[in-house]
Amino acid sequence: MTLDAPVSRVGDLERRYLSGTFAELCRIESPSGRERACAERVVAELRALGVTVEEDEAGALSGSDCGNLLARIAGGQGSGAADGEAPRRSLLLCAHLDTVPLQAEIEPVLIDGFWENANEGILGADNKAAIAVLLGLARHVARDGAPVDLELLFTVGEETALAGARAFDAARLRSDFGYVFDHASPIGEVIVDSPSHFRIEAAFVGAAAHAGIRPEDGRSAIVAAARAVASMRVGRVDEETTVNVGTISGGTAMNVVPERCSLVAEVRSLRDARAEALVAEVVDRIHEAANLPECDCDVDVSVQRTFSGYRLSPSAPPLRVAESALRACGHEPRRISSGGASDANALLAQGFQTVNLANGTERNHEPGERVSVSALEEMLDVALALLEHAAHQADAAPPADAAR
């Protein structure tokens, strides 16, 4: 629900800059692993404002051609606390540079107030909308100042299990807490519950044979993998838990009984113990299928916890700041659980208090992805309000409940 909105903090020049920057960013291809071009555009914009940008070594650790970017901007309003006063607060805002793989070239077009891709593929609003907002915020703060100092973090590899944020050293941050704008749902939604996630890889090995002359001498790895998948509970297992088999590959030719086949699956749940139980169940199904008499394959299974879930305390100061800022911008806050993760998961796992906010984008990861011009402007309003409301939050943030 939207309240009676106050006058926008975003001026006409900022509105034009925001939409133009967003469209330009979308045109820059930056699928996970190839974020360098987008990063260079961000760095150029910030350096033009006189802002120093540091790049870490996350690229080598996450398989990207670029590391995470960290920039700091002094607020400029009351900088340098007087004797006896508390030091200035610093606030972090975070967005990720990468997108999921492209299905088509991106050509942003404006249709009935919404940015869309003219071609049949993603737009890249996940997370270019947030990048554009952060750059618009940087311009505003560099020109007009702010009641707090500002840190901006642009991560790589978010779409590949938060690889960049997991490689980032949160001890480098000076901020008291922070926010990411990375949930494709209406502005006003605040993600207070996010899942733990496990990656499961299985490699089946059977025996190759000519499929037409001596198929009885072969042992099909593809059949074993298929039996395993067919026996699994996939999709939404319950309200808090999902299982998915994302990729499967194997075989060499139509007329060869396939010797090898591999699959990659995931389990995620808002309850950590539930996720672990489903992982054990999936692994059991894989081994049972490999050992069926008609399959008789060897199988190698690996399990990786890619990130842990969290549940924010209802009294967490950054949550209160977010909700007061949203109300000031005319949005009624709504606390939600999400089956998706964000860089907030990785930062919280390092003890840095972070809240993920919905950014008004729609249909992320799908052809037809879009975001309205008004949503971009409203998120910049929210970002400006976060600076104002964070300046009046005196308490340190209590820890979130992680890995439930």
Protein backbone atom coordinates (compact mmCIF):
# COMPACT_ATOMS: atom_id res chain seq x y z
CA MET A 1 0.00 0.00 0.00
CA THR A 2 1.22 3.54 -0.76
CA LEU A 3 0.59 6.38 1.67
CA ASP A 4 -0.07 9.94 0.59
CA ALA A 5 3.35 10.66 -0.86
CA PRO A 6 5.24 13.79 0.20
CA VAL A 7 7.00 16.03 -2.28
CA SER A 8 9.76 14.10 -4.07
CA ARG A 9 13.38 14.81 -3.19
CA VAL A 10 14.34 14.05 -6.81
CA GLY A 11 14.66 17.10 -9.06
CA ASP A 12 14.08 17.24 -12.81
CA LEU A 13 17.79 17.05 -13.67
CA GLU A 14 18.22 14.04 -11.40
CA ARG A 15 15.21 12.34 -13.01
CA ARG A 16 16.69 12.71 -16.48
CA TYR A 17 20.09 11.56 -15.29
CA LEU A 18 18.59 8.54 -13.55
CA SER A 19 16.70 7.22 -16.58
CA GLY A 20 19.55 7.95 -18.98
CA THR A 21 22.11 6.27 -16.76
CA PHE A 22 19.88 3.25 -16.25
CA ALA A 23 19.38 2.73 -19.98
CA GLU A 24 23.11 3.12 -20.61
CA LEU A 25 23.99 0.59 -17.92
CA CYS A 26 21.50 -1.92 -19.31
CA ARG A 27 23.17 -1.76 -22.72
CA ILE A 28 26.48 -2.83 -21.14
CA GLU A 29 26.56 -6.62 -21.11
CA SER A 30 27.70 -7.86 -17.72
CA PRO A 31 26.74 -11.50 -17.15
CA SER A 32 28.42 -13.08 -14.14
CA GLY A 33 32.14 -13.39 -14.82
CA ARG A 34 32.21 -10.51 -17.31
CA GLU A 35 31.47 -7.46 -15.18
CA ARG A 36 34.55 -5.40 -16.13
CA ALA A 37 32.85 -3.13 -18.71
CA CYS A 38 30.03 -2.24 -16.33
CA ALA A 39 32.51 -1.71 -13.50
CA GLU A 40 34.55 0.69 -15.64
CA ARG A 41 31.41 2.73 -16.36
CA VAL A 42 30.67 2.95 -12.63
CA VAL A 43 34.25 3.90 -11.79
CA ALA A 44 34.32 6.59 -14.47
CA GLU A 45 31.13 8.15 -13.11
CA LEU A 46 32.37 8.17 -9.53
CA ARG A 47 35.81 9.49 -10.38
CA ALA A 48 34.20 12.31 -12.35
CA LEU A 49 32.60 13.28 -9.03
CA GLY A 50 36.00 13.25 -7.33
CA VAL A 51 35.28 9.97 -5.55
CA THR A 52 38.05 7.40 -5.03
CA VAL A 53 37.13 3.82 -5.88
CA GLU A 54 38.96 0.74 -4.59
CA GLU A 55 38.82 -2.68 -6.26
CA ASP A 56 39.46 -5.86 -4.26
CA GLU A 57 40.75 -9.29 -5.32
CA ALA A 58 37.33 -10.95 -5.49
CA GLY A 59 37.60 -11.44 -9.24
CA ALA A 60 40.29 -14.08 -8.89
CA LEU A 61 38.30 -15.82 -6.16
CA SER A 62 34.91 -15.69 -7.88
CA GLY A 63 35.91 -16.36 -11.48
CA SER A 64 35.19 -12.83 -12.65
CA ASP A 65 37.23 -10.44 -14.79
CA CYS A 66 36.68 -7.78 -12.11
CA GLY A 67 36.70 -7.40 -8.34
CA ASN A 68 34.21 -5.74 -6.02
CA LEU A 69 34.24 -1.92 -6.01
CA LEU A 70 34.12 0.14 -2.81
CA ALA A 71 33.70 3.92 -2.81
CA ARG A 72 33.39 6.40 0.06
CA ILE A 73 31.80 9.84 -0.05
CA ALA A 74 31.96 12.26 2.88
CA GLY A 75 28.53 13.62 3.64
CA GLY A 76 29.78 17.17 3.98
CA GLN A 77 27.12 18.32 6.43
CA GLY A 78 28.66 18.72 9.82
CA SER A 79 31.72 16.62 8.98
CA GLY A 80 34.13 16.14 11.83
CA ALA A 81 32.22 15.85 15.10
CA ALA A 82 32.83 18.54 17.69
CA ASP A 83 34.51 17.69 20.99
CA GLY A 84 32.32 15.46 23.07
CA GLU A 85 30.02 14.59 20.17
CA ALA A 86 29.66 11.14 18.68
CA PRO A 87 31.49 10.57 15.39
CA ARG A 88 29.49 10.88 12.21
CA ARG A 89 27.49 7.89 11.19
CA SER A 90 28.35 6.12 7.94
CA LEU A 91 25.85 4.18 5.86
CA LEU A 92 26.48 1.46 3.25
CA LEU A 93 24.41 0.93 0.11
CA CYS A 94 25.13 -2.09 -2.08
CA ALA A 95 24.24 -3.26 -5.60
CA HIS A 96 25.63 -5.99 -7.84
CA LEU A 97 27.21 -5.47 -11.25
CA ASP A 98 26.35 -8.80 -12.85
CA THR A 99 23.25 -10.15 -14.53
CA VAL A 100 22.07 -13.64 -15.36
CA PRO A 101 23.08 -14.85 -18.86
CA LEU A 102 21.59 -12.89 -21.74
CA GLN A 103 19.07 -14.52 -24.07
CA ALA A 104 19.19 -11.59 -26.51
CA GLU A 105 20.91 -8.27 -27.06
CA ILE A 106 19.62 -5.62 -24.67
CA GLU A 107 18.04 -2.53 -26.21
CA PRO A 108 16.14 -0.58 -23.56
CA VAL A 109 12.90 1.00 -24.73
CA LEU A 110 10.36 3.06 -22.84
CA ILE A 111 6.81 1.73 -23.19
CA ASP A 112 3.93 3.26 -21.21
CA GLY A 113 6.27 4.46 -18.49
CA PHE A 114 8.19 1.18 -18.19
CA TRP A 115 11.73 0.37 -19.32
CA GLU A 116 11.73 -2.93 -21.20
CA ASN A 117 14.03 -4.80 -23.59
CA ALA A 118 13.00 -4.37 -27.22
CA ASN A 119 14.31 -7.90 -27.79
CA GLU A 120 13.13 -11.17 -26.27
CA GLY A 121 15.38 -11.35 -23.24
CA ILE A 122 16.19 -9.88 -19.86
CA LEU A 123 16.55 -6.13 -19.44
CA GLY A 124 19.18 -6.24 -16.70
CA ALA A 125 17.13 -4.17 -14.25
CA ASP A 126 18.33 -6.81 -11.78
CA ASN A 127 20.48 -5.05 -10.59
CA LYS A 128 21.20 -2.14 -12.97
CA ALA A 129 18.20 -0.29 -11.49
CA ALA A 130 19.99 -0.26 -8.13
CA ILE A 131 23.32 0.76 -9.70
CA ALA A 132 21.65 3.73 -11.39
CA VAL A 133 20.04 4.75 -8.09
CA LEU A 134 23.36 4.53 -6.24
CA LEU A 135 25.11 6.62 -8.88
CA GLY A 136 22.28 9.17 -8.73
CA LEU A 137 22.67 9.23 -4.95
CA ALA A 138 26.43 9.74 -5.29
CA ARG A 139 25.86 12.77 -7.54
CA HIS A 140 23.40 14.22 -5.05
CA VAL A 141 25.68 13.73 -2.04
CA ALA A 142 28.78 15.00 -3.85
CA ARG A 143 26.87 18.17 -4.80
CA ASP A 144 24.60 18.84 -1.83
CA GLY A 145 26.13 16.84 1.02
CA ALA A 146 24.33 14.49 3.40
CA PRO A 147 23.87 14.10 7.16
CA VAL A 148 25.94 10.88 7.10
CA ASP A 149 28.98 9.62 5.26
CA LEU A 150 28.26 7.17 2.47
CA GLU A 151 29.88 3.90 1.39
CA LEU A 152 28.92 2.34 -1.94
CA LEU A 153 29.69 -1.31 -2.64
CA PHE A 154 29.30 -2.77 -6.13
CA THR A 155 29.76 -6.54 -6.12
CA VAL A 156 30.48 -9.15 -8.77
CA GLY A 157 29.08 -12.66 -9.10
CA GLU A 158 25.91 -12.11 -7.10
CA GLU A 159 23.98 -14.27 -9.53
CA THR A 160 26.46 -17.12 -8.97
CA ALA A 161 25.71 -17.81 -5.32
CA LEU A 162 26.80 -14.38 -4.06
CA ALA A 163 30.40 -15.13 -5.05
CA GLY A 164 31.64 -11.56 -4.94
CA ALA A 165 30.03 -10.60 -1.64
CA ARG A 166 31.24 -13.84 -0.05
CA ALA A 167 34.79 -12.94 -1.13
CA PHE A 168 34.47 -9.35 0.14
CA ASP A 169 36.08 -8.51 3.48
CA ALA A 170 33.34 -6.75 5.44
CA ALA A 171 35.94 -5.61 7.98
CA ARG A 172 36.88 -2.93 5.44
CA LEU A 173 33.54 -1.21 5.96
CA ARG A 174 33.25 1.83 8.22
CA SER A 175 29.48 1.93 8.19
CA ASP A 176 27.24 1.00 11.08
CA PHE A 177 24.87 -0.92 8.83
CA GLY A 178 23.74 -1.01 5.24
CA TYR A 179 21.13 -1.78 2.61
CA VAL A 180 20.91 -3.59 -0.69
CA PHE A 181 18.19 -2.85 -3.25
CA ASP A 182 17.79 -6.32 -4.71
CA HIS A 183 14.32 -7.77 -4.56
CA ALA A 184 12.00 -7.69 -7.58
CA SER A 185 8.79 -6.72 -5.86
CA PRO A 186 6.87 -3.54 -4.98
CA ILE A 187 8.70 -0.76 -3.17
CA GLY A 188 7.86 -0.94 0.51
CA GLU A 189 8.59 -4.64 0.93
CA VAL A 190 11.41 -5.35 3.36
CA ILE A 191 13.02 -8.78 3.33
CA VAL A 192 13.39 -9.99 6.91
CA ASP A 193 13.75 -13.73 6.23
CA SER A 194 15.99 -15.34 3.59
CA PRO A 195 16.96 -18.98 2.96
CA SER A 196 20.01 -21.13 3.42
CA HIS A 197 21.22 -22.59 0.14
CA PHE A 198 23.04 -25.78 -0.82
CA ARG A 199 24.53 -26.79 -4.17
CA ILE A 200 24.60 -30.51 -5.00
CA GLU A 201 26.65 -31.95 -7.86
CA ALA A 202 26.48 -35.58 -8.96
CA ALA A 203 28.64 -37.30 -11.59
CA PHE A 204 27.39 -40.71 -12.75
CA VAL A 205 29.77 -43.14 -14.47
CA GLY A 206 28.47 -46.23 -16.26
CA ALA A 207 29.89 -48.11 -19.26
CA ALA A 208 29.81 -47.16 -22.94
CA ALA A 209 28.62 -49.61 -25.62
CA HIS A 210 27.20 -49.55 -29.15
CA ALA A 211 23.52 -48.75 -28.74
CA GLY A 212 22.40 -50.90 -31.70
CA ILE A 213 24.75 -53.88 -31.58
CA ARG A 214 25.46 -54.59 -27.90
CA PRO A 215 23.41 -52.26 -25.67
CA GLU A 216 23.29 -54.98 -22.98
CA ASP A 217 27.02 -54.43 -22.45
CA GLY A 218 26.45 -50.77 -21.57
CA ARG A 219 25.35 -49.11 -18.37
CA SER A 220 23.62 -45.80 -19.04
CA ALA A 221 24.68 -42.93 -16.84
CA ILE A 222 21.85 -40.84 -18.29
CA VAL A 223 19.26 -43.41 -17.21
CA ALA A 224 20.75 -43.40 -13.70
CA ALA A 225 20.58 -39.61 -13.54
CA ALA A 226 17.03 -39.62 -14.90
CA ARG A 227 15.91 -42.17 -12.30
CA ALA A 228 17.49 -40.05 -9.59
CA VAL A 229 15.70 -36.90 -10.71
CA ALA A 230 12.39 -38.72 -11.12
CA SER A 231 12.61 -39.95 -7.53
CA MET A 232 13.29 -36.54 -6.01
CA ARG A 233 10.77 -34.13 -4.58
CA VAL A 234 11.37 -31.07 -6.75
CA GLY A 235 9.71 -27.67 -6.88
CA ARG A 236 8.07 -26.24 -3.78
CA VAL A 237 8.36 -28.92 -1.12
CA ASP A 238 6.67 -26.80 1.53
CA GLU A 239 6.01 -23.11 2.20
CA GLU A 240 9.62 -22.54 3.24
CA THR A 241 11.56 -25.02 1.11
CA THR A 242 12.33 -25.62 -2.58
CA VAL A 243 14.39 -28.17 -4.51
CA ASN A 244 15.49 -27.76 -8.11
CA VAL A 245 17.59 -29.70 -10.63
CA GLY A 246 19.05 -26.89 -12.68
CA THR A 247 21.34 -28.59 -15.20
CA ILE A 248 21.93 -32.09 -16.53
CA SER A 249 24.40 -33.13 -19.22
CA GLY A 250 25.90 -36.31 -20.58
CA GLY A 251 26.43 -38.68 -23.45
CA THR A 252 28.55 -38.41 -26.58
CA ALA A 253 26.40 -39.58 -29.51
CA MET A 254 22.93 -40.92 -30.34
CA ASN A 255 24.24 -44.44 -30.98
CA VAL A 256 26.39 -44.78 -27.85
CA VAL A 257 25.11 -45.95 -24.47
CA PRO A 258 26.23 -42.96 -22.38
CA GLU A 259 29.05 -43.63 -19.98
CA ARG A 260 28.88 -40.29 -18.17
CA CYS A 261 26.21 -37.90 -16.99
CA SER A 262 26.26 -35.09 -14.44
CA LEU A 263 23.64 -32.92 -12.78
CA VAL A 264 23.58 -29.87 -10.56
CA ALA A 265 20.77 -29.34 -8.07
CA GLU A 266 19.98 -26.89 -5.31
CA VAL A 267 18.10 -26.98 -2.03
CA ARG A 268 17.02 -23.84 -0.22
CA SER A 269 14.89 -23.33 2.87
CA LEU A 270 14.08 -20.62 5.37
CA ARG A 271 14.83 -23.23 8.05
CA ASP A 272 18.41 -24.37 8.05
CA ALA A 273 17.68 -27.78 9.57
CA ARG A 274 15.00 -28.37 6.95
CA ALA A 275 17.46 -27.54 4.17
CA GLU A 276 20.01 -29.98 5.57
CA ALA A 277 17.37 -32.73 5.79
CA LEU A 278 16.35 -32.22 2.15
CA VAL A 279 19.98 -32.26 1.04
CA ALA A 280 20.41 -35.64 2.71
CA GLU A 281 17.26 -36.87 0.99
CA VAL A 282 18.46 -35.72 -2.45
CA VAL A 283 21.85 -37.37 -1.93
CA ASP A 284 20.13 -40.62 -0.90
CA ARG A 285 17.99 -40.58 -4.04
CA ILE A 286 21.08 -40.12 -6.19
CA HIS A 287 22.87 -43.08 -4.64
CA GLU A 288 19.76 -45.27 -4.75
CA ALA A 289 19.29 -44.58 -8.46
CA ALA A 290 22.93 -45.31 -9.26
CA ASN A 291 22.67 -48.65 -7.44
CA LEU A 292 19.52 -49.87 -9.21
CA PRO A 293 20.21 -53.18 -11.04
CA GLU A 294 19.23 -51.64 -14.38
CA CYS A 295 21.65 -48.73 -13.81
CA ASP A 296 24.62 -50.13 -11.85
CA CYS A 297 26.65 -46.92 -12.07
CA ASP A 298 29.28 -45.36 -9.92
CA VAL A 299 28.45 -41.89 -8.67
CA ASP A 300 30.43 -39.11 -7.06
CA VAL A 301 28.39 -36.55 -5.09
CA SER A 302 29.55 -33.25 -3.65
CA VAL A 303 27.57 -30.85 -1.46
CA GLN A 304 28.42 -27.21 -0.81
CA ARG A 305 26.67 -24.78 1.51
CA THR A 306 26.80 -21.70 -0.69
CA PHE A 307 25.22 -19.29 1.77
CA SER A 308 23.32 -19.27 5.04
CA GLY A 309 19.91 -17.85 5.70
CA TYR A 310 18.94 -15.20 8.21
CA ARG A 311 16.00 -13.80 10.10
CA LEU A 312 16.20 -10.17 11.14
CA SER A 313 15.25 -9.15 14.63
CA PRO A 314 12.02 -7.11 14.58
CA SER A 315 13.76 -4.50 16.72
CA ALA A 316 16.92 -4.21 14.59
CA PRO A 317 17.79 -0.50 14.18
CA PRO A 318 18.52 -0.77 10.44
CA LEU A 319 15.08 -2.31 9.98
CA ARG A 320 13.48 0.55 11.92
CA VAL A 321 15.44 3.09 9.88
CA ALA A 322 14.30 1.47 6.63
CA GLU A 323 10.67 1.45 7.66
CA SER A 324 10.70 5.07 8.81
CA ALA A 325 12.42 6.11 5.56
CA LEU A 326 9.85 4.22 3.48
CA ARG A 327 6.97 5.86 5.34
CA ALA A 328 8.55 9.28 4.80
CA CYS A 329 8.49 8.54 1.06
CA GLY A 330 4.85 7.50 1.06
CA HIS A 331 5.26 3.71 1.20
CA GLU A 332 3.75 1.50 3.87
CA PRO A 333 6.49 -1.01 4.87
CA ARG A 334 5.65 -4.68 4.60
CA ARG A 335 7.94 -7.32 6.12
CA ILE A 336 8.23 -10.41 3.94
CA SER A 337 10.08 -13.70 3.66
CA SER A 338 11.84 -14.49 0.40
CA GLY A 339 12.97 -17.69 -1.26
CA GLY A 340 15.73 -15.70 -2.95
CA ALA A 341 19.02 -14.51 -1.55
CA SER A 342 21.01 -11.32 -1.99
CA ASP A 343 24.35 -9.86 -0.98
CA ALA A 344 22.68 -9.17 2.37
CA ASN A 345 23.04 -12.89 3.16
CA ALA A 346 26.79 -12.77 2.64
CA LEU A 347 27.30 -9.52 4.55
CA LEU A 348 25.17 -10.70 7.46
CA ALA A 349 27.18 -13.92 7.60
CA GLN A 350 30.24 -11.75 8.30
CA GLY A 351 28.43 -9.90 11.08
CA PHE A 352 27.66 -6.74 9.11
CA GLN A 353 24.04 -5.70 9.59
CA THR A 354 22.26 -5.39 6.26
CA VAL A 355 18.66 -5.10 5.11
CA ASN A 356 17.46 -6.01 1.62
CA LEU A 357 14.78 -3.71 0.21
CA ALA A 358 12.47 -4.32 -2.74
CA ASN A 359 13.29 -2.01 -5.64
CA GLY A 360 10.14 -2.12 -7.76
CA THR A 361 11.58 -4.16 -10.63
CA GLU A 362 9.42 -6.88 -12.17
CA ARG A 363 9.95 -10.33 -13.75
CA ASN A 364 13.65 -10.57 -12.96
CA HIS A 365 15.56 -13.36 -14.75
CA GLU A 366 12.81 -13.53 -17.38
CA PRO A 367 12.19 -12.18 -20.87
CA GLY A 368 9.79 -9.33 -20.25
CA GLU A 369 11.73 -8.01 -17.26
CA ARG A 370 10.89 -4.37 -16.69
CA VAL A 371 10.97 -1.43 -14.28
CA SER A 372 8.97 1.78 -14.32
CA VAL A 373 10.49 5.23 -14.47
CA SER A 374 8.53 6.09 -11.34
CA ALA A 375 10.03 3.12 -9.46
CA LEU A 376 13.56 4.30 -10.27
CA GLU A 377 12.73 7.77 -9.01
CA GLU A 378 10.99 6.46 -5.92
CA MET A 379 13.99 4.30 -5.01
CA LEU A 380 16.27 7.32 -5.25
CA ASP A 381 13.86 9.10 -2.93
CA VAL A 382 14.08 6.15 -0.53
CA ALA A 383 17.89 6.16 -0.69
CA LEU A 384 17.97 9.86 0.20
CA ALA A 385 15.52 9.25 3.04
CA LEU A 386 17.70 6.42 4.36
CA LEU A 387 20.59 8.88 4.75
CA GLU A 388 18.40 11.30 6.68
CA HIS A 389 16.85 8.70 8.96
CA ALA A 390 20.11 6.85 9.58
CA ALA A 391 21.61 10.09 10.91
CA HIS A 392 19.13 10.03 13.77
CA GLN A 393 19.57 6.35 14.66
CA ALA A 394 21.89 6.29 17.66
CA ASP A 395 21.85 2.62 18.55
CA ALA A 396 24.13 -0.08 17.15
CA ALA A 397 22.36 -2.89 15.37
CA PRO A 398 21.75 -6.16 17.25
CA PRO A 399 22.70 -9.34 15.39
CA ALA A 400 20.34 -11.14 13.08
CA ASP A 401 19.47 -14.76 13.69
CA ALA A 402 21.48 -16.59 11.04
CA ALA A 403 21.46 -20.16 9.75
CA ARG A 404 18.28 -21.23 11.49
